[in-house]
N, C-alpha and C. Protein backbone atom coordinates (compact mmCIF):
# COMPACT_ATOMS: atom_id res chain seq x y z
N MET A 1 10.37 -11.30 23.06
CA MET A 1 10.01 -10.38 22.01
C MET A 1 11.25 -9.83 21.32
N LYS A 2 12.24 -9.48 22.11
CA LYS A 2 13.46 -8.89 21.56
C LYS A 2 14.13 -9.81 20.55
N ASN A 3 14.23 -11.09 20.87
CA ASN A 3 14.90 -12.02 19.95
C ASN A 3 14.16 -12.13 18.62
N ASN A 4 12.84 -12.18 18.68
CA ASN A 4 12.07 -12.22 17.44
C ASN A 4 12.23 -10.94 16.64
N ALA A 5 12.23 -9.81 17.31
CA ALA A 5 12.39 -8.53 16.62
C ALA A 5 13.73 -8.46 15.90
N VAL A 6 14.78 -8.91 16.57
CA VAL A 6 16.11 -8.92 15.94
C VAL A 6 16.12 -9.86 14.74
N LYS A 7 15.49 -11.01 14.90
CA LYS A 7 15.41 -11.96 13.78
C LYS A 7 14.71 -11.32 12.58
N TYR A 8 13.61 -10.65 12.83
CA TYR A 8 12.90 -9.98 11.74
C TYR A 8 13.75 -8.88 11.12
N PHE A 9 14.42 -8.10 11.95
CA PHE A 9 15.24 -7.00 11.45
C PHE A 9 16.37 -7.53 10.56
N LYS A 10 16.99 -8.60 10.99
CA LYS A 10 18.09 -9.17 10.20
C LYS A 10 17.61 -9.86 8.93
N SER A 11 16.31 -10.17 8.86
CA SER A 11 15.80 -10.87 7.67
C SER A 11 15.13 -9.92 6.67
N GLY A 12 15.19 -8.61 6.92
CA GLY A 12 14.68 -7.68 5.93
C GLY A 12 13.55 -6.78 6.38
N TYR A 13 12.98 -7.03 7.55
CA TYR A 13 11.99 -6.11 8.08
C TYR A 13 12.70 -4.83 8.50
N SER A 14 12.01 -3.72 8.46
CA SER A 14 12.59 -2.47 8.95
C SER A 14 12.57 -2.47 10.48
N CYS A 15 13.17 -1.45 11.06
CA CYS A 15 13.20 -1.33 12.52
C CYS A 15 11.79 -1.26 13.11
N SER A 16 10.96 -0.40 12.56
CA SER A 16 9.60 -0.27 13.10
C SER A 16 8.79 -1.54 12.86
N GLU A 17 8.92 -2.13 11.70
CA GLU A 17 8.19 -3.37 11.39
C GLU A 17 8.63 -4.51 12.30
N SER A 18 9.91 -4.56 12.62
CA SER A 18 10.45 -5.63 13.46
C SER A 18 9.85 -5.60 14.86
N VAL A 19 9.81 -4.42 15.45
CA VAL A 19 9.25 -4.27 16.80
C VAL A 19 7.76 -4.62 16.77
N VAL A 20 7.05 -4.12 15.78
CA VAL A 20 5.61 -4.37 15.70
C VAL A 20 5.32 -5.85 15.41
N GLN A 21 6.07 -6.46 14.50
CA GLN A 21 5.82 -7.88 14.19
C GLN A 21 6.08 -8.76 15.41
N ALA A 22 7.11 -8.43 16.18
CA ALA A 22 7.37 -9.20 17.41
C ALA A 22 6.22 -9.03 18.40
N ALA A 23 5.64 -7.84 18.47
CA ALA A 23 4.49 -7.61 19.34
C ALA A 23 3.26 -8.36 18.82
N ILE A 24 3.11 -8.41 17.52
CA ILE A 24 2.00 -9.18 16.93
C ILE A 24 2.15 -10.65 17.30
N ASP A 25 3.36 -11.17 17.19
CA ASP A 25 3.62 -12.57 17.53
C ASP A 25 3.21 -12.89 18.97
N LYS A 26 3.39 -11.92 19.86
CA LYS A 26 3.04 -12.12 21.28
C LYS A 26 1.57 -11.86 21.56
N GLY A 27 0.83 -11.42 20.56
CA GLY A 27 -0.58 -11.15 20.75
C GLY A 27 -0.90 -9.77 21.28
N TYR A 28 0.05 -8.85 21.23
CA TYR A 28 -0.15 -7.51 21.76
C TYR A 28 -0.73 -6.54 20.76
N ALA A 29 -0.71 -6.91 19.50
CA ALA A 29 -1.19 -6.01 18.45
C ALA A 29 -1.81 -6.84 17.34
N PRO A 30 -2.76 -6.26 16.63
CA PRO A 30 -3.36 -6.98 15.50
C PRO A 30 -2.40 -7.01 14.31
N LYS A 31 -2.54 -8.02 13.49
CA LYS A 31 -1.63 -8.18 12.35
C LYS A 31 -1.68 -6.99 11.40
N GLU A 32 -2.79 -6.26 11.36
CA GLU A 32 -2.92 -5.10 10.49
C GLU A 32 -1.98 -3.96 10.87
N LEU A 33 -1.47 -3.97 12.10
CA LEU A 33 -0.58 -2.91 12.54
C LEU A 33 0.76 -2.96 11.79
N LEU A 34 1.13 -4.12 11.27
CA LEU A 34 2.40 -4.22 10.55
C LEU A 34 2.44 -3.26 9.38
N SER A 35 1.38 -3.19 8.60
CA SER A 35 1.39 -2.30 7.44
C SER A 35 1.45 -0.83 7.87
N VAL A 36 0.89 -0.50 9.03
CA VAL A 36 0.99 0.86 9.55
C VAL A 36 2.44 1.17 9.92
N ALA A 37 3.11 0.20 10.50
CA ALA A 37 4.50 0.38 10.94
C ALA A 37 5.45 0.68 9.77
N THR A 38 5.12 0.21 8.59
CA THR A 38 6.00 0.38 7.45
C THR A 38 6.32 1.85 7.19
N SER A 39 5.36 2.72 7.34
CA SER A 39 5.61 4.14 7.05
C SER A 39 6.52 4.81 8.07
N PHE A 40 6.78 4.15 9.18
CA PHE A 40 7.68 4.70 10.19
C PHE A 40 9.12 4.22 10.01
N SER A 41 9.36 3.41 9.00
CA SER A 41 10.69 2.86 8.72
C SER A 41 11.67 3.96 8.33
N GLY A 42 12.91 3.78 8.76
CA GLY A 42 13.95 4.75 8.40
C GLY A 42 13.61 6.16 8.82
N GLY A 43 13.05 6.29 10.01
CA GLY A 43 12.71 7.62 10.50
C GLY A 43 11.66 8.29 9.63
N MET A 44 10.63 7.54 9.29
CA MET A 44 9.53 8.01 8.45
C MET A 44 10.03 8.44 7.07
N GLY A 45 11.06 7.72 6.62
CA GLY A 45 11.60 7.97 5.29
C GLY A 45 12.56 9.14 5.21
N VAL A 46 12.63 9.94 6.26
CA VAL A 46 13.52 11.10 6.25
C VAL A 46 14.48 11.09 7.44
N ARG A 47 14.55 9.92 8.08
CA ARG A 47 15.46 9.70 9.21
C ARG A 47 15.17 10.66 10.36
N CYS A 48 13.90 10.84 10.65
CA CYS A 48 13.48 11.70 11.76
C CYS A 48 13.36 10.85 13.02
N LEU A 49 12.17 10.48 13.44
CA LEU A 49 11.98 9.65 14.64
C LEU A 49 12.49 8.23 14.37
N CYS A 50 13.29 7.70 15.26
CA CYS A 50 13.80 6.33 15.15
C CYS A 50 12.62 5.38 14.95
N GLY A 51 12.69 4.55 13.94
CA GLY A 51 11.62 3.62 13.63
C GLY A 51 11.35 2.61 14.73
N ALA A 52 12.38 2.17 15.44
CA ALA A 52 12.19 1.22 16.54
C ALA A 52 11.40 1.88 17.66
N VAL A 53 11.69 3.15 17.93
CA VAL A 53 10.92 3.91 18.93
C VAL A 53 9.48 4.04 18.45
N ALA A 54 9.30 4.40 17.19
CA ALA A 54 7.95 4.56 16.64
C ALA A 54 7.17 3.25 16.72
N GLY A 55 7.82 2.14 16.40
CA GLY A 55 7.15 0.84 16.47
C GLY A 55 6.68 0.53 17.88
N ALA A 56 7.53 0.78 18.86
CA ALA A 56 7.14 0.55 20.25
C ALA A 56 5.98 1.46 20.65
N GLN A 57 6.01 2.70 20.19
CA GLN A 57 4.93 3.63 20.51
C GLN A 57 3.61 3.19 19.86
N LEU A 58 3.70 2.63 18.67
CA LEU A 58 2.49 2.10 18.02
C LEU A 58 1.87 0.98 18.86
N VAL A 59 2.72 0.13 19.41
CA VAL A 59 2.22 -0.96 20.25
C VAL A 59 1.59 -0.41 21.52
N ILE A 60 2.24 0.57 22.14
CA ILE A 60 1.68 1.19 23.35
C ILE A 60 0.31 1.79 23.03
N GLY A 61 0.21 2.50 21.94
CA GLY A 61 -1.07 3.09 21.56
C GLY A 61 -2.13 2.06 21.28
N THR A 62 -1.74 0.96 20.63
CA THR A 62 -2.69 -0.11 20.34
C THR A 62 -3.22 -0.74 21.62
N MET A 63 -2.34 -0.91 22.59
CA MET A 63 -2.73 -1.59 23.82
C MET A 63 -3.45 -0.70 24.83
N PHE A 64 -3.09 0.59 24.86
CA PHE A 64 -3.59 1.47 25.92
C PHE A 64 -4.26 2.75 25.41
N GLY A 65 -4.29 2.95 24.10
CA GLY A 65 -4.81 4.19 23.54
C GLY A 65 -6.32 4.32 23.63
N LYS A 66 -6.77 5.48 23.25
CA LYS A 66 -8.18 5.84 23.34
C LYS A 66 -9.05 4.91 22.50
N ASN A 67 -10.11 4.47 23.11
CA ASN A 67 -11.15 3.71 22.42
C ASN A 67 -12.45 3.90 23.20
N GLU A 68 -13.44 3.07 22.94
CA GLU A 68 -14.73 3.22 23.63
C GLU A 68 -14.61 3.03 25.13
N GLU A 69 -13.61 2.30 25.59
CA GLU A 69 -13.48 1.97 27.01
C GLU A 69 -12.36 2.73 27.72
N ARG A 70 -11.47 3.37 26.97
CA ARG A 70 -10.30 4.03 27.58
C ARG A 70 -10.21 5.47 27.09
N ASP A 71 -9.67 6.31 27.95
CA ASP A 71 -9.52 7.72 27.58
C ASP A 71 -8.17 8.02 26.94
N GLY A 72 -7.26 7.05 26.91
CA GLY A 72 -5.96 7.25 26.28
C GLY A 72 -4.89 7.82 27.19
N MET A 73 -5.26 8.20 28.39
CA MET A 73 -4.27 8.80 29.30
C MET A 73 -3.14 7.83 29.64
N LYS A 74 -3.47 6.56 29.79
CA LYS A 74 -2.45 5.55 30.10
C LYS A 74 -1.44 5.47 28.95
N ALA A 75 -1.92 5.51 27.72
CA ALA A 75 -1.02 5.47 26.57
C ALA A 75 -0.08 6.67 26.56
N ARG A 76 -0.61 7.83 26.86
CA ARG A 76 0.23 9.03 26.89
C ARG A 76 1.29 8.94 27.98
N ALA A 77 0.89 8.44 29.13
CA ALA A 77 1.84 8.30 30.23
C ALA A 77 2.93 7.29 29.90
N LEU A 78 2.53 6.17 29.31
CA LEU A 78 3.52 5.15 28.94
C LEU A 78 4.41 5.61 27.80
N ALA A 79 3.85 6.37 26.87
CA ALA A 79 4.67 6.93 25.78
C ALA A 79 5.76 7.83 26.36
N LYS A 80 5.39 8.64 27.32
CA LYS A 80 6.37 9.52 27.97
C LYS A 80 7.43 8.71 28.71
N GLN A 81 6.99 7.70 29.46
CA GLN A 81 7.95 6.85 30.18
C GLN A 81 8.90 6.17 29.21
N PHE A 82 8.36 5.68 28.11
CA PHE A 82 9.20 5.02 27.12
C PHE A 82 10.28 6.00 26.64
N ASN A 83 9.86 7.19 26.25
CA ASN A 83 10.82 8.18 25.75
C ASN A 83 11.85 8.56 26.79
N GLU A 84 11.45 8.67 28.03
CA GLU A 84 12.38 9.00 29.11
C GLU A 84 13.42 7.89 29.29
N LYS A 85 12.97 6.63 29.26
CA LYS A 85 13.90 5.50 29.40
C LYS A 85 14.88 5.46 28.23
N PHE A 86 14.38 5.66 27.02
CA PHE A 86 15.25 5.66 25.84
C PHE A 86 16.26 6.81 25.92
N ALA A 87 15.81 7.97 26.37
CA ALA A 87 16.68 9.15 26.47
C ALA A 87 17.76 9.01 27.54
N GLU A 88 17.51 8.16 28.55
CA GLU A 88 18.54 7.95 29.58
C GLU A 88 19.84 7.49 28.96
N LYS A 89 19.75 6.70 27.91
CA LYS A 89 20.95 6.18 27.27
C LYS A 89 21.35 6.97 26.03
N HIS A 90 20.36 7.43 25.27
CA HIS A 90 20.67 8.00 23.97
C HIS A 90 20.45 9.51 23.85
N LYS A 91 19.81 10.12 24.81
CA LYS A 91 19.53 11.56 24.83
C LYS A 91 18.54 12.01 23.77
N VAL A 92 18.51 11.37 22.61
CA VAL A 92 17.62 11.75 21.51
C VAL A 92 16.94 10.51 20.94
N ASN A 93 15.88 10.73 20.17
CA ASN A 93 15.23 9.61 19.49
C ASN A 93 15.17 9.83 17.98
N CYS A 94 16.02 10.69 17.49
CA CYS A 94 16.08 11.02 16.07
C CYS A 94 17.00 10.03 15.34
N CYS A 95 16.46 9.36 14.36
CA CYS A 95 17.22 8.38 13.58
C CYS A 95 18.51 8.99 13.02
N LYS A 96 18.40 10.18 12.47
CA LYS A 96 19.57 10.84 11.85
C LYS A 96 20.69 11.05 12.86
N VAL A 97 20.33 11.46 14.06
CA VAL A 97 21.33 11.69 15.11
C VAL A 97 21.85 10.36 15.64
N LEU A 98 20.95 9.42 15.88
CA LEU A 98 21.36 8.11 16.42
C LEU A 98 22.29 7.36 15.47
N SER A 99 22.11 7.55 14.18
CA SER A 99 22.92 6.81 13.20
C SER A 99 23.98 7.69 12.54
N ALA A 100 24.25 8.85 13.12
CA ALA A 100 25.29 9.74 12.58
C ALA A 100 26.63 9.02 12.52
N GLY A 101 27.33 9.23 11.44
CA GLY A 101 28.63 8.61 11.28
C GLY A 101 28.59 7.28 10.55
N TYR A 102 27.41 6.78 10.30
CA TYR A 102 27.25 5.51 9.57
C TYR A 102 26.68 5.80 8.18
N ASP A 103 27.19 5.12 7.18
CA ASP A 103 26.53 5.12 5.88
C ASP A 103 25.22 4.36 6.07
N PHE A 104 24.11 4.94 5.61
CA PHE A 104 22.81 4.36 5.90
C PHE A 104 22.67 2.93 5.42
N HIS A 105 23.34 2.56 4.35
CA HIS A 105 23.20 1.22 3.78
C HIS A 105 24.32 0.26 4.21
N SER A 106 25.12 0.67 5.17
CA SER A 106 26.26 -0.14 5.59
C SER A 106 25.86 -1.20 6.61
N PRO A 107 26.62 -2.30 6.65
CA PRO A 107 26.38 -3.33 7.67
C PRO A 107 26.60 -2.78 9.08
N GLU A 108 27.51 -1.83 9.23
CA GLU A 108 27.77 -1.24 10.55
C GLU A 108 26.53 -0.49 11.06
N ARG A 109 25.88 0.26 10.18
CA ARG A 109 24.67 0.96 10.58
C ARG A 109 23.56 -0.04 10.91
N LYS A 110 23.47 -1.09 10.12
CA LYS A 110 22.46 -2.12 10.37
C LYS A 110 22.67 -2.74 11.76
N ASN A 111 23.92 -3.03 12.11
CA ASN A 111 24.23 -3.58 13.45
C ASN A 111 23.89 -2.58 14.54
N HIS A 112 24.20 -1.33 14.29
CA HIS A 112 23.89 -0.28 15.26
C HIS A 112 22.37 -0.20 15.48
N CYS A 113 21.63 -0.21 14.39
CA CYS A 113 20.17 -0.13 14.48
C CYS A 113 19.57 -1.39 15.10
N CYS A 114 20.23 -2.50 14.92
CA CYS A 114 19.80 -3.74 15.57
C CYS A 114 19.79 -3.55 17.09
N SER A 115 20.79 -2.84 17.60
CA SER A 115 20.82 -2.59 19.04
C SER A 115 19.68 -1.66 19.46
N MET A 116 19.27 -0.74 18.58
CA MET A 116 18.12 0.12 18.89
C MET A 116 16.84 -0.72 18.96
N VAL A 117 16.69 -1.68 18.04
CA VAL A 117 15.54 -2.58 18.06
C VAL A 117 15.51 -3.36 19.37
N GLU A 118 16.66 -3.90 19.77
CA GLU A 118 16.75 -4.65 21.03
C GLU A 118 16.37 -3.79 22.22
N GLU A 119 16.94 -2.60 22.29
CA GLU A 119 16.68 -1.72 23.42
C GLU A 119 15.22 -1.29 23.49
N CYS A 120 14.64 -1.00 22.34
CA CYS A 120 13.23 -0.60 22.34
C CYS A 120 12.34 -1.74 22.80
N CYS A 121 12.66 -2.96 22.40
CA CYS A 121 11.88 -4.11 22.86
C CYS A 121 12.05 -4.31 24.36
N ASP A 122 13.26 -4.13 24.87
CA ASP A 122 13.49 -4.26 26.31
C ASP A 122 12.66 -3.23 27.09
N ILE A 123 12.72 -1.99 26.66
CA ILE A 123 11.96 -0.94 27.34
C ILE A 123 10.47 -1.24 27.26
N LEU A 124 10.00 -1.60 26.08
CA LEU A 124 8.58 -1.91 25.90
C LEU A 124 8.15 -3.07 26.78
N GLU A 125 8.91 -4.15 26.79
CA GLU A 125 8.56 -5.31 27.62
C GLU A 125 8.51 -4.94 29.10
N ASN A 126 9.47 -4.15 29.55
CA ASN A 126 9.48 -3.74 30.96
C ASN A 126 8.26 -2.89 31.29
N LEU A 127 7.90 -1.97 30.40
CA LEU A 127 6.70 -1.16 30.64
C LEU A 127 5.45 -2.03 30.69
N LEU A 128 5.39 -3.01 29.82
CA LEU A 128 4.23 -3.89 29.83
C LEU A 128 4.16 -4.72 31.11
N LYS A 129 5.31 -5.20 31.56
CA LYS A 129 5.35 -5.94 32.83
C LYS A 129 4.92 -5.06 33.99
N GLU A 130 5.43 -3.84 34.03
CA GLU A 130 5.10 -2.92 35.11
C GLU A 130 3.62 -2.55 35.11
N ASN A 131 3.00 -2.67 33.98
CA ASN A 131 1.59 -2.29 33.85
C ASN A 131 0.70 -3.51 33.73
N MET A 132 1.19 -4.62 34.27
CA MET A 132 0.44 -5.86 34.42
C MET A 132 -0.09 -6.44 33.12
N VAL A 133 0.69 -6.28 32.08
CA VAL A 133 0.40 -6.97 30.83
C VAL A 133 1.44 -8.06 30.71
N GLU A 134 1.00 -9.28 30.64
CA GLU A 134 1.92 -10.42 30.62
C GLU A 134 2.75 -10.40 29.34
N VAL A 135 4.07 -10.58 29.50
CA VAL A 135 4.96 -10.65 28.35
C VAL A 135 5.69 -11.97 28.33
């Protein structure tokens, strides 16, 4: 999943779209989720929540969130675990803070954000494996 997400990110998809499209490719999310992910790009347009984190959370919600058969508690627990794992390395999940010091349109920032896409996919894949969803 990570390799596909990076490929998408480098080809023009946003961070959130890249994570979601890679999940769609693996069959974890419906193709319609891609358009939802777009609004989470660039920290929801104001560089707030990291888009790669948001994309992973969208996938978690799609797979484990509330519906006719589930109460959503699993999604909430996995969302928390995801954030805790991400915070172990980065302390925050705010796009503005994570990309501080980079010009937003620079290749250096793009490379930095590429690593966020990779890390979010790694965390997401591990959570899915731990929760018996084949990846």
